[in-house]
Amino acid sequence: MRREAANVLASMQWSPDEVPEKVQFYYLREDWKELAKLQGAAVPALLKALASDDPPGTERVGANPREDP
């Protein structure tokens, strides 16, 4: 659901201004190229993606949606 929301925002030509929001946004969209451009700020999200069996934006019920990726 969160990935779909990020994709809808992107289709409306919206993008976040703040780096932490950019990390979350690109992580949810699985836009690894843009995420890599954020360099060190993206490392935790990239590590999480590598370690997870679940695609971004499909957290299990009970996951904290405000938690960093």
PDB file of N, CA and C in Angstrom:
ATOM      1  N   MET A   1       0.825  -1.180   0.000  1.00  0.00           N
ATOM      2  CA  MET A   1       0.000   0.000   0.000  1.00  0.00           C
ATOM      3  C   MET A   1       0.878   1.255   0.000  1.00  0.00           C
ATOM      4  N   ARG A   2       1.922   1.261   0.809  1.00  0.00           N
ATOM      5  CA  ARG A   2       2.782   2.436   0.862  1.00  0.00           C
ATOM      6  C   ARG A   2       3.516   2.641  -0.454  1.00  0.00           C
ATOM      7  N   ARG A   3       3.901   1.553  -1.111  1.00  0.00           N
ATOM      8  CA  ARG A   3       4.563   1.657  -2.410  1.00  0.00           C
ATOM      9  C   ARG A   3       3.619   2.272  -3.432  1.00  0.00           C
ATOM     10  N   GLU A   4       2.367   1.838  -3.421  1.00  0.00           N
ATOM     11  CA  GLU A   4       1.377   2.385  -4.349  1.00  0.00           C
ATOM     12  C   GLU A   4       1.204   3.881  -4.133  1.00  0.00           C
ATOM     13  N   ALA A   5       1.165   4.307  -2.873  1.00  0.00           N
ATOM     14  CA  ALA A   5       1.031   5.731  -2.573  1.00  0.00           C
ATOM     15  C   ALA A   5       2.233   6.517  -3.102  1.00  0.00           C
ATOM     16  N   ALA A   6       3.420   5.979  -2.914  1.00  0.00           N
ATOM     17  CA  ALA A   6       4.632   6.641  -3.423  1.00  0.00           C
ATOM     18  C   ALA A   6       4.604   6.723  -4.940  1.00  0.00           C
ATOM     19  N   ASN A   7       4.131   5.680  -5.599  1.00  0.00           N
ATOM     20  CA  ASN A   7       4.049   5.694  -7.055  1.00  0.00           C
ATOM     21  C   ASN A   7       3.020   6.692  -7.561  1.00  0.00           C
ATOM     22  N   VAL A   8       1.907   6.826  -6.851  1.00  0.00           N
ATOM     23  CA  VAL A   8       0.905   7.819  -7.233  1.00  0.00           C
ATOM     24  C   VAL A   8       1.489   9.221  -7.097  1.00  0.00           C
ATOM     25  N   LEU A   9       2.185   9.473  -5.991  1.00  0.00           N
ATOM     26  CA  LEU A   9       2.816  10.782  -5.813  1.00  0.00           C
ATOM     27  C   LEU A   9       3.824  11.063  -6.926  1.00  0.00           C
ATOM     28  N   ALA A  10       4.603  10.072  -7.291  1.00  0.00           N
ATOM     29  CA  ALA A  10       5.582  10.242  -8.364  1.00  0.00           C
ATOM     30  C   ALA A  10       4.888  10.513  -9.693  1.00  0.00           C
ATOM     31  N   SER A  11       3.765   9.858  -9.934  1.00  0.00           N
ATOM     32  CA  SER A  11       3.040  10.081 -11.187  1.00  0.00           C
ATOM     33  C   SER A  11       2.471  11.496 -11.265  1.00  0.00           C
ATOM     34  N   MET A  12       2.323  12.130 -10.100  1.00  0.00           N
ATOM     35  CA  MET A  12       1.856  13.515 -10.041  1.00  0.00           C
ATOM     36  C   MET A  12       3.029  14.501 -10.054  1.00  0.00           C
ATOM     37  N   GLN A  13       4.224  13.977 -10.385  1.00  0.00           N
ATOM     38  CA  GLN A  13       5.450  14.778 -10.454  1.00  0.00           C
ATOM     39  C   GLN A  13       5.869  15.346  -9.097  1.00  0.00           C
ATOM     40  N   TRP A  14       5.459  14.690  -8.004  1.00  0.00           N
ATOM     41  CA  TRP A  14       5.843  15.121  -6.665  1.00  0.00           C
ATOM     42  C   TRP A  14       7.094  14.378  -6.243  1.00  0.00           C
ATOM     43  N   SER A  15       7.952  15.077  -5.544  1.00  0.00           N
ATOM     44  CA  SER A  15       9.100  14.424  -4.911  1.00  0.00           C
ATOM     45  C   SER A  15       9.401  15.162  -3.618  1.00  0.00           C
ATOM     46  N   PRO A  16       9.884  14.447  -2.611  1.00  0.00           N
ATOM     47  CA  PRO A  16      10.147  15.068  -1.315  1.00  0.00           C
ATOM     48  C   PRO A  16      11.346  16.011  -1.366  1.00  0.00           C
ATOM     49  N   ASP A  17      11.362  16.945  -0.422  1.00  0.00           N
ATOM     50  CA  ASP A  17      12.451  17.918  -0.335  1.00  0.00           C
ATOM     51  C   ASP A  17      13.552  17.490   0.631  1.00  0.00           C
ATOM     52  N   GLU A  18      13.181  16.850   1.718  1.00  0.00           N
ATOM     53  CA  GLU A  18      14.123  16.494   2.775  1.00  0.00           C
ATOM     54  C   GLU A  18      14.762  15.130   2.508  1.00  0.00           C
ATOM     55  N   VAL A  19      16.032  15.009   2.841  1.00  0.00           N
ATOM     56  CA  VAL A  19      16.774  13.772   2.572  1.00  0.00           C
ATOM     57  C   VAL A  19      16.132  12.545   3.222  1.00  0.00           C
ATOM     58  N   PRO A  20      15.745  12.583   4.495  1.00  0.00           N
ATOM     59  CA  PRO A  20      15.126  11.370   5.072  1.00  0.00           C
ATOM     60  C   PRO A  20      13.856  10.954   4.334  1.00  0.00           C
ATOM     61  N   GLU A  21      13.074  11.931   3.892  1.00  0.00           N
ATOM     62  CA  GLU A  21      11.868  11.619   3.131  1.00  0.00           C
ATOM     63  C   GLU A  21      12.227  11.053   1.755  1.00  0.00           C
ATOM     64  N   LYS A  22      13.294  11.576   1.139  1.00  0.00           N
ATOM     65  CA  LYS A  22      13.744  11.056  -0.149  1.00  0.00           C
ATOM     66  C   LYS A  22      14.164   9.600  -0.016  1.00  0.00           C
ATOM     67  N   VAL A  23      14.879   9.290   1.058  1.00  0.00           N
ATOM     68  CA  VAL A  23      15.316   7.907   1.290  1.00  0.00           C
ATOM     69  C   VAL A  23      14.094   6.993   1.347  1.00  0.00           C
ATOM     70  N   GLN A  24      13.112   7.362   2.142  1.00  0.00           N
ATOM     71  CA  GLN A  24      11.901   6.543   2.287  1.00  0.00           C
ATOM     72  C   GLN A  24      11.167   6.431   0.954  1.00  0.00           C
ATOM     73  N   PHE A  25      11.019   7.536   0.264  1.00  0.00           N
ATOM     74  CA  PHE A  25      10.296   7.590  -1.007  1.00  0.00           C
ATOM     75  C   PHE A  25      10.939   6.688  -2.057  1.00  0.00           C
ATOM     76  N   TYR A  26      12.239   6.834  -2.256  1.00  0.00           N
ATOM     77  CA  TYR A  26      12.922   6.027  -3.268  1.00  0.00           C
ATOM     78  C   TYR A  26      13.007   4.559  -2.855  1.00  0.00           C
ATOM     79  N   TYR A  27      13.132   4.312  -1.554  1.00  0.00           N
ATOM     80  CA  TYR A  27      13.131   2.936  -1.056  1.00  0.00           C
ATOM     81  C   TYR A  27      11.794   2.261  -1.369  1.00  0.00           C
ATOM     82  N   LEU A  28      10.694   2.943  -1.075  1.00  0.00           N
ATOM     83  CA  LEU A  28       9.372   2.376  -1.329  1.00  0.00           C
ATOM     84  C   LEU A  28       9.138   2.132  -2.812  1.00  0.00           C
ATOM     85  N   ARG A  29       9.673   3.004  -3.652  1.00  0.00           N
ATOM     86  CA  ARG A  29       9.509   2.859  -5.097  1.00  0.00           C
ATOM     87  C   ARG A  29      10.519   1.885  -5.696  1.00  0.00           C
ATOM     88  N   GLU A  30      11.437   1.415  -4.871  1.00  0.00           N
ATOM     89  CA  GLU A  30      12.519   0.536  -5.329  1.00  0.00           C
ATOM     90  C   GLU A  30      13.328   1.212  -6.435  1.00  0.00           C
ATOM     91  N   ASP A  31      13.540   2.507  -6.263  1.00  0.00           N
ATOM     92  CA  ASP A  31      14.330   3.289  -7.212  1.00  0.00           C
ATOM     93  C   ASP A  31      15.764   3.340  -6.690  1.00  0.00           C
ATOM     94  N   TRP A  32      16.471   2.251  -6.917  1.00  0.00           N
ATOM     95  CA  TRP A  32      17.808   2.089  -6.344  1.00  0.00           C
ATOM     96  C   TRP A  32      18.800   3.114  -6.903  1.00  0.00           C
ATOM     97  N   LYS A  33      18.614   3.516  -8.142  1.00  0.00           N
ATOM     98  CA  LYS A  33      19.511   4.495  -8.754  1.00  0.00           C
ATOM     99  C   LYS A  33      19.421   5.846  -8.028  1.00  0.00           C
ATOM    100  N   GLU A  34      18.205   6.310  -7.809  1.00  0.00           N
ATOM    101  CA  GLU A  34      18.023   7.589  -7.100  1.00  0.00           C
ATOM    102  C   GLU A  34      18.444   7.453  -5.638  1.00  0.00           C
ATOM    103  N   LEU A  35      18.150   6.318  -5.052  1.00  0.00           N
ATOM    104  CA  LEU A  35      18.527   6.086  -3.661  1.00  0.00           C
ATOM    105  C   LEU A  35      20.042   6.117  -3.512  1.00  0.00           C
ATOM    106  N   ALA A  36      20.752   5.527  -4.445  1.00  0.00           N
ATOM    107  CA  ALA A  36      22.220   5.516  -4.391  1.00  0.00           C
ATOM    108  C   ALA A  36      22.797   6.927  -4.478  1.00  0.00           C
ATOM    109  N   LYS A  37      22.118   7.820  -5.177  1.00  0.00           N
ATOM    110  CA  LYS A  37      22.586   9.203  -5.280  1.00  0.00           C
ATOM    111  C   LYS A  37      22.598   9.917  -3.930  1.00  0.00           C
ATOM    112  N   LEU A  38      21.839   9.393  -2.977  1.00  0.00           N
ATOM    113  CA  LEU A  38      21.779   9.997  -1.642  1.00  0.00           C
ATOM    114  C   LEU A  38      22.935   9.541  -0.761  1.00  0.00           C
ATOM    115  N   GLN A  39      23.775   8.700  -1.298  1.00  0.00           N
ATOM    116  CA  GLN A  39      25.010   8.226  -0.678  1.00  0.00           C
ATOM    117  C   GLN A  39      24.797   7.714   0.739  1.00  0.00           C
ATOM    118  N   GLY A  40      25.514   8.251   1.709  1.00  0.00           N
ATOM    119  CA  GLY A  40      25.502   7.733   3.076  1.00  0.00           C
ATOM    120  C   GLY A  40      24.129   7.688   3.712  1.00  0.00           C
ATOM    121  N   ALA A  41      23.271   8.637   3.370  1.00  0.00           N
ATOM    122  CA  ALA A  41      21.928   8.659   3.951  1.00  0.00           C
ATOM    123  C   ALA A  41      21.120   7.434   3.548  1.00  0.00           C
ATOM    124  N   ALA A  42      21.473   6.839   2.411  1.00  0.00           N
ATOM    125  CA  ALA A  42      20.720   5.700   1.899  1.00  0.00           C
ATOM    126  C   ALA A  42      21.224   4.353   2.408  1.00  0.00           C
ATOM    127  N   VAL A  43      22.376   4.324   3.031  1.00  0.00           N
ATOM    128  CA  VAL A  43      22.977   3.050   3.429  1.00  0.00           C
ATOM    129  C   VAL A  43      22.048   2.207   4.310  1.00  0.00           C
ATOM    130  N   PRO A  44      21.420   2.752   5.362  1.00  0.00           N
ATOM    131  CA  PRO A  44      20.529   1.907   6.168  1.00  0.00           C
ATOM    132  C   PRO A  44      19.385   1.301   5.351  1.00  0.00           C
ATOM    133  N   ALA A  45      18.807   2.076   4.438  1.00  0.00           N
ATOM    134  CA  ALA A  45      17.705   1.560   3.617  1.00  0.00           C
ATOM    135  C   ALA A  45      18.200   0.474   2.671  1.00  0.00           C
ATOM    136  N   LEU A  46      19.366   0.668   2.090  1.00  0.00           N
ATOM    137  CA  LEU A  46      19.917  -0.340   1.185  1.00  0.00           C
ATOM    138  C   LEU A  46      20.257  -1.628   1.931  1.00  0.00           C
ATOM    139  N   LEU A  47      20.797  -1.501   3.127  1.00  0.00           N
ATOM    140  CA  LEU A  47      21.093  -2.693   3.935  1.00  0.00           C
ATOM    141  C   LEU A  47      19.817  -3.424   4.314  1.00  0.00           C
ATOM    142  N   LYS A  48      18.772  -2.661   4.653  1.00  0.00           N
ATOM    143  CA  LYS A  48      17.496  -3.275   4.998  1.00  0.00           C
ATOM    144  C   LYS A  48      16.933  -4.028   3.792  1.00  0.00           C
ATOM    145  N   ALA A  49      17.040  -3.435   2.614  1.00  0.00           N
ATOM    146  CA  ALA A  49      16.535  -4.079   1.402  1.00  0.00           C
ATOM    147  C   ALA A  49      17.279  -5.377   1.129  1.00  0.00           C
ATOM    148  N   LEU A  50      18.580  -5.373   1.340  1.00  0.00           N
ATOM    149  CA  LEU A  50      19.380  -6.574   1.116  1.00  0.00           C
ATOM    150  C   LEU A  50      19.037  -7.686   2.103  1.00  0.00           C
ATOM    151  N   ALA A  51      18.714  -7.310   3.327  1.00  0.00           N
ATOM    152  CA  ALA A  51      18.463  -8.282   4.377  1.00  0.00           C
ATOM    153  C   ALA A  51      17.026  -8.810   4.391  1.00  0.00           C
ATOM    154  N   SER A  52      16.129  -8.132   3.719  1.00  0.00           N
ATOM    155  CA  SER A  52      14.712  -8.466   3.808  1.00  0.00           C
ATOM    156  C   SER A  52      14.272  -9.436   2.716  1.00  0.00           C
ATOM    157  N   ASP A  53      13.366 -10.326   3.087  1.00  0.00           N
ATOM    158  CA  ASP A  53      12.725 -11.202   2.114  1.00  0.00           C
ATOM    159  C   ASP A  53      11.472 -10.546   1.540  1.00  0.00           C
ATOM    160  N   ASP A  54      10.989  -9.482   2.217  1.00  0.00           N
ATOM    161  CA  ASP A  54       9.769  -8.790   1.808  1.00  0.00           C
ATOM    162  C   ASP A  54      10.112  -7.579   0.957  1.00  0.00           C
ATOM    163  N   PRO A  55       9.359  -7.335  -0.114  1.00  0.00           N
ATOM    164  CA  PRO A  55       9.595  -6.131  -0.914  1.00  0.00           C
ATOM    165  C   PRO A  55       9.307  -4.870  -0.099  1.00  0.00           C
ATOM    166  N   PRO A  56       9.962  -3.761  -0.404  1.00  0.00           N
ATOM    167  CA  PRO A  56       9.680  -2.501   0.288  1.00  0.00           C
ATOM    168  C   PRO A  56       8.200  -2.138   0.187  1.00  0.00           C
ATOM    169  N   GLY A  57       7.678  -1.577   1.278  1.00  0.00           N
ATOM    170  CA  GLY A  57       6.283  -1.142   1.274  1.00  0.00           C
ATOM    171  C   GLY A  57       5.286  -2.233   1.566  1.00  0.00           C
ATOM    172  N   THR A  58       5.759  -3.453   1.863  1.00  0.00           N
ATOM    173  CA  THR A  58       4.850  -4.564   2.147  1.00  0.00           C
ATOM    174  C   THR A  58       5.105  -5.105   3.553  1.00  0.00           C
ATOM    175  N   GLU A  59       5.389  -4.215   4.476  1.00  0.00           N
ATOM    176  CA  GLU A  59       5.687  -4.643   5.837  1.00  0.00           C
ATOM    177  C   GLU A  59       4.524  -5.434   6.408  1.00  0.00           C
ATOM    178  N   ARG A  60       4.849  -6.323   7.289  1.00  0.00           N
ATOM    179  CA  ARG A  60       3.827  -7.149   7.928  1.00  0.00           C
ATOM    180  C   ARG A  60       2.943  -6.289   8.824  1.00  0.00           C
ATOM    181  N   VAL A  61       1.737  -6.791   9.075  1.00  0.00           N
ATOM    182  CA  VAL A  61       0.810  -6.103   9.970  1.00  0.00           C
ATOM    183  C   VAL A  61       1.493  -5.899  11.310  1.00  0.00           C
ATOM    184  N   GLY A  62       1.347  -4.701  11.845  1.00  0.00           N
ATOM    185  CA  GLY A  62       1.978  -4.386  13.119  1.00  0.00           C
ATOM    186  C   GLY A  62       3.284  -3.634  12.954  1.00  0.00           C
ATOM    187  N   ALA A  63       3.804  -3.565  11.734  1.00  0.00           N
ATOM    188  CA  ALA A  63       5.037  -2.812  11.498  1.00  0.00           C
ATOM    189  C   ALA A  63       4.737  -1.338  11.698  1.00  0.00           C
ATOM    190  N   ASN A  64       5.706  -0.623  12.210  1.00  0.00           N
ATOM    191  CA  ASN A  64       5.541   0.788  12.468  1.00  0.00           C
ATOM    192  C   ASN A  64       5.750   1.578  11.181  1.00  0.00           C
ATOM    193  N   PRO A  65       4.689   2.214  10.632  1.00  0.00           N
ATOM    194  CA  PRO A  65       4.840   2.933   9.365  1.00  0.00           C
ATOM    195  C   PRO A  65       5.725   4.177   9.479  1.00  0.00           C
ATOM    196  N   ARG A  66       5.969   4.673  10.682  1.00  0.00           N
ATOM    197  CA  ARG A  66       6.796   5.856  10.861  1.00  0.00           C
ATOM    198  C   ARG A  66       8.267   5.486  11.029  1.00  0.00           C
ATOM    199  N   GLU A  67       8.546   4.208  11.118  1.00  0.00           N
ATOM    200  CA  GLU A  67       9.919   3.741  11.292  1.00  0.00           C
ATOM    201  C   GLU A  67      10.714   3.983  10.022  1.00  0.00           C
ATOM    202  N   ASP A  68      11.978   4.350  10.180  1.00  0.00           N
ATOM    203  CA  ASP A  68      12.835   4.552   9.019  1.00  0.00           C
ATOM    204  C   ASP A  68      12.979   3.242   8.261  1.00  0.00           C
ATOM    205  N   PRO A  69      13.206   3.327   6.943  1.00  0.00           N
ATOM    206  CA  PRO A  69      13.357   2.106   6.139  1.00  0.00           C
ATOM    207  C   PRO A  69      14.563   1.314   6.567  1.00  0.00           C
TER     208      PRO A  69
END
